[in-house]
């Protein structure tokens, strides 16, 4: 199943905590059930994003760890 995001953020090159902070800002401006796609290159983002969704109503629908980047599809709760 192909998920089409409502908003995409390419946060490549940013270091912790900026990818998470910019994703939070984007999610704050979105409607419930909308999908945010985030691309990050900081390895700390994997832990940060998974911890973030456990503490909020948001959900990671898809996580991909590739050679140079991490990608997340996050559904706003």
PDB file of N, CA and C in Angstrom:
ATOM      1  N   UNK A   1       0.841  -1.188   0.000  1.00  0.00           N
ATOM      2  CA  UNK A   1       0.000   0.000   0.000  1.00  0.00           C
ATOM      3  C   UNK A   1       0.883   1.247   0.000  1.00  0.00           C
ATOM      4  N   UNK A   2       0.635   2.111  -0.936  1.00  0.00           N
ATOM      5  CA  UNK A   2       1.401   3.349  -1.042  1.00  0.00           C
ATOM      6  C   UNK A   2       0.701   4.441  -0.243  1.00  0.00           C
ATOM      7  N   UNK A   3       1.432   5.046   0.668  1.00  0.00           N
ATOM      8  CA  UNK A   3       0.882   6.119   1.495  1.00  0.00           C
ATOM      9  C   UNK A   3       1.375   7.443   0.928  1.00  0.00           C
ATOM     10  N   UNK A   4       0.452   8.338   0.649  1.00  0.00           N
ATOM     11  CA  UNK A   4       0.802   9.652   0.120  1.00  0.00           C
ATOM     12  C   UNK A   4       0.788  10.660   1.264  1.00  0.00           C
ATOM     13  N   UNK A   5       1.946  11.257   1.559  1.00  0.00           N
ATOM     14  CA  UNK A   5       1.987  12.238   2.647  1.00  0.00           C
ATOM     15  C   UNK A   5       1.329  13.552   2.253  1.00  0.00           C
ATOM     16  N   UNK A   6       0.787  14.236   3.256  1.00  0.00           N
ATOM     17  CA  UNK A   6       0.209  15.560   3.047  1.00  0.00           C
ATOM     18  C   UNK A   6       1.303  16.625   3.019  1.00  0.00           C
ATOM     19  N   UNK A   7       2.344  16.402   3.808  1.00  0.00           N
ATOM     20  CA  UNK A   7       3.473  17.330   3.885  1.00  0.00           C
ATOM     21  C   UNK A   7       4.758  16.506   3.912  1.00  0.00           C
ATOM     22  N   UNK A   8       5.797  17.013   3.237  1.00  0.00           N
ATOM     23  CA  UNK A   8       7.106  16.361   3.249  1.00  0.00           C
ATOM     24  C   UNK A   8       8.154  17.346   3.747  1.00  0.00           C
ATOM     25  N   UNK A   9       9.008  16.870   4.645  1.00  0.00           N
ATOM     26  CA  UNK A   9      10.118  17.676   5.156  1.00  0.00           C
ATOM     27  C   UNK A   9      11.421  16.940   4.889  1.00  0.00           C
ATOM     28  N   UNK A  10      12.338  17.567   4.201  1.00  0.00           N
ATOM     29  CA  UNK A  10      13.674  17.003   4.021  1.00  0.00           C
ATOM     30  C   UNK A  10      14.588  17.735   4.993  1.00  0.00           C
ATOM     31  N   UNK A  11      14.940  17.048   6.065  1.00  0.00           N
ATOM     32  CA  UNK A  11      15.741  17.653   7.122  1.00  0.00           C
ATOM     33  C   UNK A  11      17.175  17.116   7.101  1.00  0.00           C
ATOM     34  N   UNK A  12      17.595  16.689   5.929  1.00  0.00           N
ATOM     35  CA  UNK A  12      18.951  16.163   5.757  1.00  0.00           C
ATOM     36  C   UNK A  12      19.976  17.205   6.174  1.00  0.00           C
ATOM     37  N   UNK A  13      20.991  16.740   6.874  1.00  0.00           N
ATOM     38  CA  UNK A  13      22.071  17.625   7.280  1.00  0.00           C
ATOM     39  C   UNK A  13      21.868  18.294   8.626  1.00  0.00           C
ATOM     40  N   UNK A  14      20.665  18.239   9.168  1.00  0.00           N
ATOM     41  CA  UNK A  14      20.403  18.848  10.470  1.00  0.00           C
ATOM     42  C   UNK A  14      20.741  17.859  11.581  1.00  0.00           C
ATOM     43  N   UNK A  15      21.306  18.383  12.668  1.00  0.00           N
ATOM     44  CA  UNK A  15      21.673  17.549  13.812  1.00  0.00           C
ATOM     45  C   UNK A  15      20.614  17.633  14.902  1.00  0.00           C
ATOM     46  N   UNK A  16      20.603  16.630  15.734  1.00  0.00           N
ATOM     47  CA  UNK A  16      19.707  16.551  16.886  1.00  0.00           C
ATOM     48  C   UNK A  16      19.845  17.831  17.708  1.00  0.00           C
ATOM     49  N   UNK A  17      18.779  18.428  18.132  1.00  0.00           N
ATOM     50  CA  UNK A  17      17.382  17.998  18.110  1.00  0.00           C
ATOM     51  C   UNK A  17      16.562  18.626  16.985  1.00  0.00           C
ATOM     52  N   UNK A  18      17.215  19.282  16.026  1.00  0.00           N
ATOM     53  CA  UNK A  18      16.486  20.042  15.001  1.00  0.00           C
ATOM     54  C   UNK A  18      15.501  19.214  14.162  1.00  0.00           C
ATOM     55  N   UNK A  19      15.840  17.998  13.711  1.00  0.00           N
ATOM     56  CA  UNK A  19      14.842  17.251  12.923  1.00  0.00           C
ATOM     57  C   UNK A  19      13.534  17.041  13.695  1.00  0.00           C
ATOM     58  N   UNK A  20      13.645  16.670  14.955  1.00  0.00           N
ATOM     59  CA  UNK A  20      12.436  16.444  15.757  1.00  0.00           C
ATOM     60  C   UNK A  20      11.685  17.749  15.999  1.00  0.00           C
ATOM     61  N   UNK A  21      12.403  18.808  16.305  1.00  0.00           N
ATOM     62  CA  UNK A  21      11.731  20.094  16.555  1.00  0.00           C
ATOM     63  C   UNK A  21      10.994  20.592  15.315  1.00  0.00           C
ATOM     64  N   UNK A  22      11.614  20.481  14.153  1.00  0.00           N
ATOM     65  CA  UNK A  22      10.960  20.928  12.914  1.00  0.00           C
ATOM     66  C   UNK A  22       9.766  20.031  12.568  1.00  0.00           C
ATOM     67  N   UNK A  23       9.874  18.738  12.848  1.00  0.00           N
ATOM     68  CA  UNK A  23       8.747  17.829  12.621  1.00  0.00           C
ATOM     69  C   UNK A  23       7.593  18.164  13.563  1.00  0.00           C
ATOM     70  N   UNK A  24       7.899  18.469  14.819  1.00  0.00           N
ATOM     71  CA  UNK A  24       6.856  18.848  15.786  1.00  0.00           C
ATOM     72  C   UNK A  24       6.119  20.101  15.322  1.00  0.00           C
ATOM     73  N   UNK A  25       6.875  21.085  14.841  1.00  0.00           N
ATOM     74  CA  UNK A  25       6.252  22.318  14.347  1.00  0.00           C
ATOM     75  C   UNK A  25       5.327  22.027  13.177  1.00  0.00           C
ATOM     76  N   UNK A  26       5.765  21.175  12.269  1.00  0.00           N
ATOM     77  CA  UNK A  26       4.928  20.821  11.119  1.00  0.00           C
ATOM     78  C   UNK A  26       3.669  20.101  11.578  1.00  0.00           C
ATOM     79  N   UNK A  27       3.817  19.149  12.495  1.00  0.00           N
ATOM     80  CA  UNK A  27       2.651  18.406  12.995  1.00  0.00           C
ATOM     81  C   UNK A  27       1.668  19.327  13.703  1.00  0.00           C
ATOM     82  N   UNK A  28       2.164  20.327  14.426  1.00  0.00           N
ATOM     83  CA  UNK A  28       1.281  21.271  15.124  1.00  0.00           C
ATOM     84  C   UNK A  28       0.366  22.012  14.154  1.00  0.00           C
ATOM     85  N   UNK A  29       0.823  22.221  12.936  1.00  0.00           N
ATOM     86  CA  UNK A  29       0.027  22.939  11.945  1.00  0.00           C
ATOM     87  C   UNK A  29      -0.847  22.039  11.083  1.00  0.00           C
ATOM     88  N   UNK A  30      -0.820  20.745  11.362  1.00  0.00           N
ATOM     89  CA  UNK A  30      -1.573  19.795  10.535  1.00  0.00           C
ATOM     90  C   UNK A  30      -2.883  19.381  11.206  1.00  0.00           C
ATOM     91  N   UNK A  31      -3.787  18.852  10.391  1.00  0.00           N
ATOM     92  CA  UNK A  31      -5.059  18.332  10.884  1.00  0.00           C
ATOM     93  C   UNK A  31      -4.879  16.886  11.342  1.00  0.00           C
ATOM     94  N   UNK A  32      -5.732  16.445  12.246  1.00  0.00           N
ATOM     95  CA  UNK A  32      -5.712  15.063  12.712  1.00  0.00           C
ATOM     96  C   UNK A  32      -5.846  14.113  11.516  1.00  0.00           C
ATOM     97  N   UNK A  33      -5.097  13.026  11.542  1.00  0.00           N
ATOM     98  CA  UNK A  33      -5.083  11.978  10.508  1.00  0.00           C
ATOM     99  C   UNK A  33      -4.231  12.329   9.285  1.00  0.00           C
ATOM    100  N   UNK A  34      -3.712  13.558   9.196  1.00  0.00           N
ATOM    101  CA  UNK A  34      -2.835  13.880   8.074  1.00  0.00           C
ATOM    102  C   UNK A  34      -1.493  13.190   8.264  1.00  0.00           C
ATOM    103  N   UNK A  35      -0.766  13.023   7.160  1.00  0.00           N
ATOM    104  CA  UNK A  35       0.489  12.283   7.162  1.00  0.00           C
ATOM    105  C   UNK A  35       1.656  13.220   6.862  1.00  0.00           C
ATOM    106  N   UNK A  36       2.685  13.141   7.699  1.00  0.00           N
ATOM    107  CA  UNK A  36       3.916  13.904   7.525  1.00  0.00           C
ATOM    108  C   UNK A  36       5.034  12.939   7.149  1.00  0.00           C
ATOM    109  N   UNK A  37       5.747  13.252   6.075  1.00  0.00           N
ATOM    110  CA  UNK A  37       6.921  12.471   5.706  1.00  0.00           C
ATOM    111  C   UNK A  37       8.152  13.278   6.093  1.00  0.00           C
ATOM    112  N   UNK A  38       9.067  12.624   6.825  1.00  0.00           N
ATOM    113  CA  UNK A  38      10.296  13.274   7.256  1.00  0.00           C
ATOM    114  C   UNK A  38      11.482  12.456   6.754  1.00  0.00           C
ATOM    115  N   UNK A  39      12.457  13.152   6.197  1.00  0.00           N
ATOM    116  CA  UNK A  39      13.725  12.532   5.822  1.00  0.00           C
ATOM    117  C   UNK A  39      14.802  13.204   6.665  1.00  0.00           C
ATOM    118  N   UNK A  40      15.595  12.391   7.353  1.00  0.00           N
ATOM    119  CA  UNK A  40      16.653  12.911   8.218  1.00  0.00           C
ATOM    120  C   UNK A  40      17.921  12.094   8.012  1.00  0.00           C
ATOM    121  N   UNK A  41      19.058  12.730   8.243  1.00  0.00           N
ATOM    122  CA  UNK A  41      20.330  12.017   8.123  1.00  0.00           C
ATOM    123  C   UNK A  41      20.995  11.796   9.482  1.00  0.00           C
ATOM    124  N   UNK A  42      20.489  12.418  10.508  1.00  0.00           N
ATOM    125  CA  UNK A  42      21.054  12.276  11.848  1.00  0.00           C
ATOM    126  C   UNK A  42      20.624  10.934  12.445  1.00  0.00           C
ATOM    127  N   UNK A  43      21.580  10.102  12.823  1.00  0.00           N
ATOM    128  CA  UNK A  43      21.254   8.773  13.360  1.00  0.00           C
ATOM    129  C   UNK A  43      20.473   8.853  14.666  1.00  0.00           C
ATOM    130  N   UNK A  44      20.604   9.942  15.414  1.00  0.00           N
ATOM    131  CA  UNK A  44      19.854  10.106  16.659  1.00  0.00           C
ATOM    132  C   UNK A  44      18.357  10.270  16.399  1.00  0.00           C
ATOM    133  N   UNK A  45      17.991  10.600  15.177  1.00  0.00           N
ATOM    134  CA  UNK A  45      16.567  10.794  14.868  1.00  0.00           C
ATOM    135  C   UNK A  45      15.779   9.505  15.057  1.00  0.00           C
ATOM    136  N   UNK A  46      16.408   8.360  14.832  1.00  0.00           N
ATOM    137  CA  UNK A  46      15.692   7.087  14.988  1.00  0.00           C
ATOM    138  C   UNK A  46      15.152   6.951  16.416  1.00  0.00           C
ATOM    139  N   UNK A  47      16.001   7.156  17.383  1.00  0.00           N
ATOM    140  CA  UNK A  47      15.573   7.075  18.788  1.00  0.00           C
ATOM    141  C   UNK A  47      14.592   8.204  19.120  1.00  0.00           C
ATOM    142  N   UNK A  48      14.920   9.425  18.677  1.00  0.00           N
ATOM    143  CA  UNK A  48      14.093  10.599  18.994  1.00  0.00           C
ATOM    144  C   UNK A  48      12.655  10.449  18.490  1.00  0.00           C
ATOM    145  N   UNK A  49      12.496  10.053  17.230  1.00  0.00           N
ATOM    146  CA  UNK A  49      11.154   9.970  16.653  1.00  0.00           C
ATOM    147  C   UNK A  49      10.339   8.836  17.276  1.00  0.00           C
ATOM    148  N   UNK A  50      10.973   7.695  17.533  1.00  0.00           N
ATOM    149  CA  UNK A  50      10.236   6.588  18.147  1.00  0.00           C
ATOM    150  C   UNK A  50       9.809   6.934  19.578  1.00  0.00           C
ATOM    151  N   UNK A  51      10.658   7.644  20.311  1.00  0.00           N
ATOM    152  CA  UNK A  51      10.303   8.069  21.664  1.00  0.00           C
ATOM    153  C   UNK A  51       9.190   9.118  21.614  1.00  0.00           C
ATOM    154  N   UNK A  52       9.280  10.026  20.660  1.00  0.00           N
ATOM    155  CA  UNK A  52       8.289  11.091  20.511  1.00  0.00           C
ATOM    156  C   UNK A  52       6.886  10.526  20.293  1.00  0.00           C
ATOM    157  N   UNK A  53       6.732   9.553  19.400  1.00  0.00           N
ATOM    158  CA  UNK A  53       5.389   9.032  19.140  1.00  0.00           C
ATOM    159  C   UNK A  53       4.838   8.241  20.324  1.00  0.00           C
ATOM    160  N   UNK A  54       5.719   7.649  21.132  1.00  0.00           N
ATOM    161  CA  UNK A  54       5.256   6.942  22.338  1.00  0.00           C
ATOM    162  C   UNK A  54       4.675   7.916  23.358  1.00  0.00           C
ATOM    163  N   UNK A  55       5.153   9.160  23.334  1.00  0.00           N
ATOM    164  CA  UNK A  55       4.727  10.167  24.306  1.00  0.00           C
ATOM    165  C   UNK A  55       3.587  11.050  23.797  1.00  0.00           C
ATOM    166  N   UNK A  56       3.191  10.854  22.548  1.00  0.00           N
ATOM    167  CA  UNK A  56       2.145  11.688  21.953  1.00  0.00           C
ATOM    168  C   UNK A  56       1.084  10.801  21.312  1.00  0.00           C
ATOM    169  N   UNK A  57       0.099  11.411  20.715  1.00  0.00           N
ATOM    170  CA  UNK A  57      -0.963  10.687  20.009  1.00  0.00           C
ATOM    171  C   UNK A  57      -0.590  10.355  18.578  1.00  0.00           C
ATOM    172  N   UNK A  58       0.610  10.688  18.166  1.00  0.00           N
ATOM    173  CA  UNK A  58       1.032  10.469  16.791  1.00  0.00           C
ATOM    174  C   UNK A  58       1.501   9.032  16.598  1.00  0.00           C
ATOM    175  N   UNK A  59       1.600   8.601  15.333  1.00  0.00           N
ATOM    176  CA  UNK A  59       1.945   7.215  15.039  1.00  0.00           C
ATOM    177  C   UNK A  59       2.896   7.149  13.835  1.00  0.00           C
ATOM    178  N   UNK A  60       3.953   6.352  13.957  1.00  0.00           N
ATOM    179  CA  UNK A  60       4.832   6.115  12.816  1.00  0.00           C
ATOM    180  C   UNK A  60       4.209   4.997  11.997  1.00  0.00           C
ATOM    181  N   UNK A  61       3.775   5.327  10.795  1.00  0.00           N
ATOM    182  CA  UNK A  61       3.170   4.336   9.905  1.00  0.00           C
ATOM    183  C   UNK A  61       4.237   3.540   9.165  1.00  0.00           C
ATOM    184  N   UNK A  62       5.360   4.209   8.898  1.00  0.00           N
ATOM    185  CA  UNK A  62       6.432   3.547   8.165  1.00  0.00           C
ATOM    186  C   UNK A  62       7.760   4.178   8.564  1.00  0.00           C
ATOM    187  N   UNK A  63       8.757   3.329   8.756  1.00  0.00           N
ATOM    188  CA  UNK A  63      10.112   3.776   9.066  1.00  0.00           C
ATOM    189  C   UNK A  63      11.064   3.025   8.157  1.00  0.00           C
ATOM    190  N   UNK A  64      11.939   3.760   7.496  1.00  0.00           N
ATOM    191  CA  UNK A  64      12.943   3.135   6.627  1.00  0.00           C
ATOM    192  C   UNK A  64      14.317   3.667   6.984  1.00  0.00           C
ATOM    193  N   UNK A  65      15.228   2.742   7.150  1.00  0.00           N
ATOM    194  CA  UNK A  65      16.617   3.090   7.435  1.00  0.00           C
ATOM    195  C   UNK A  65      17.421   2.707   6.201  1.00  0.00           C
ATOM    196  N   UNK A  66      17.927   3.716   5.518  1.00  0.00           N
ATOM    197  CA  UNK A  66      18.690   3.482   4.298  1.00  0.00           C
ATOM    198  C   UNK A  66      20.145   3.865   4.543  1.00  0.00           C
ATOM    199  N   UNK A  67      20.981   3.707   3.549  1.00  0.00           N
ATOM    200  CA  UNK A  67      22.416   3.966   3.717  1.00  0.00           C
ATOM    201  C   UNK A  67      22.709   5.361   4.258  1.00  0.00           C
ATOM    202  N   UNK A  68      22.110   6.352   3.654  1.00  0.00           N
ATOM    203  CA  UNK A  68      22.435   7.738   3.989  1.00  0.00           C
ATOM    204  C   UNK A  68      21.341   8.476   4.752  1.00  0.00           C
ATOM    205  N   UNK A  69      20.157   7.874   4.873  1.00  0.00           N
ATOM    206  CA  UNK A  69      19.051   8.628   5.462  1.00  0.00           C
ATOM    207  C   UNK A  69      18.050   7.719   6.165  1.00  0.00           C
ATOM    208  N   UNK A  70      17.246   8.362   6.982  1.00  0.00           N
ATOM    209  CA  UNK A  70      16.138   7.720   7.679  1.00  0.00           C
ATOM    210  C   UNK A  70      14.868   8.409   7.183  1.00  0.00           C
ATOM    211  N   UNK A  71      13.841   7.629   6.919  1.00  0.00           N
ATOM    212  CA  UNK A  71      12.577   8.259   6.508  1.00  0.00           C
ATOM    213  C   UNK A  71      11.450   7.751   7.387  1.00  0.00           C
ATOM    214  N   UNK A  72      10.540   8.654   7.682  1.00  0.00           N
ATOM    215  CA  UNK A  72       9.421   8.389   8.576  1.00  0.00           C
ATOM    216  C   UNK A  72       8.132   8.869   7.925  1.00  0.00           C
ATOM    217  N   UNK A  73       7.085   8.087   8.056  1.00  0.00           N
ATOM    218  CA  UNK A  73       5.738   8.543   7.727  1.00  0.00           C
ATOM    219  C   UNK A  73       4.994   8.580   9.063  1.00  0.00           C
ATOM    220  N   UNK A  74       4.617   9.769   9.470  1.00  0.00           N
ATOM    221  CA  UNK A  74       4.001   9.967  10.782  1.00  0.00           C
ATOM    222  C   UNK A  74       2.575  10.459  10.593  1.00  0.00           C
ATOM    223  N   UNK A  75       1.632   9.741  11.219  1.00  0.00           N
ATOM    224  CA  UNK A  75       0.229  10.160  11.172  1.00  0.00           C
ATOM    225  C   UNK A  75      -0.071  10.981  12.413  1.00  0.00           C
ATOM    226  N   UNK A  76      -0.611  12.170  12.182  1.00  0.00           N
ATOM    227  CA  UNK A  76      -0.970  13.033  13.313  1.00  0.00           C
ATOM    228  C   UNK A  76      -2.167  12.442  14.041  1.00  0.00           C
ATOM    229  N   UNK A  77      -2.023  12.365  15.352  1.00  0.00           N
ATOM    230  CA  UNK A  77      -3.099  11.817  16.199  1.00  0.00           C
ATOM    231  C   UNK A  77      -3.979  12.905  16.758  1.00  0.00           C
TER     232      UNK A  77
END
